[in-house]
């Protein structure tokens, strides 16, 4: 076993067969490995998200972060691309689902894949992780403080996003939700509402809300960062994906 990884930019087939940029990180070992589609936040396909993608490879997962802004701002810096997409109200839901599907297909096609794939997203990516898990068949999904799941984006928001909790009946896999008690998008009341909806549909899920943490508490480069909550959140992610992605299909 080696702790070495390889990380590089690749091209994958996204929604409608469009070629989009993506960042791939994988362990340099035989495997087989579970895989994770990392869905970047609204600020874009940035260095912090690539660092998270490498972190999954460090922990023995194949990881791929598709650049959701490839079409709108090819080759642009993350903040410039995010500004272009923000002016357009964000990435359309159908396009997002197609891009995640393409990323999952790419990962499952790698020689070292065990055939299992999960999704994880932060902020807008948390909502999109939930959305993808309801529209696609995946093995596990993590929603890190995904806003606008049970309520739509308010008037004046740069993100035009409607609620997606009505899709909960179609959730294809176990869901892990990680939230901050001081967050407003989503608020504890909203996460409680989503919990009630998932319970009514008899879905497998676990939610954790961290005291003293608000939105973006995983973001090490922002004032919102809360080391204790982030550390506990990462521990929960490793446990969750370890249970649902590590075994090969058809094995315990």
Foldseek 3Di string as FASTA:
>chain_A
DDLDKDKDKDWWQFAPRDTFIKIKMAAPDQAQAFEEEEEEALLFDAPQSNVVQNVVRSVHYIYMYTGLLCVQDNPDHSNVSSVSQLQVQHRDLSRLLRRVVRVLVVRCPDNSHLNAYAYEYAACSLLSSQSNQLVDAHFETERELYFQQQAADDPPGSHGGHHNLVSLLRRRYEYEYEFECAEVRPHPVVVVVSVVSNVVSVHHYDYDYDYPAYGPCLDPVDPRHDVVSNVVVVVVVCVRCVVGGRDRPPDD
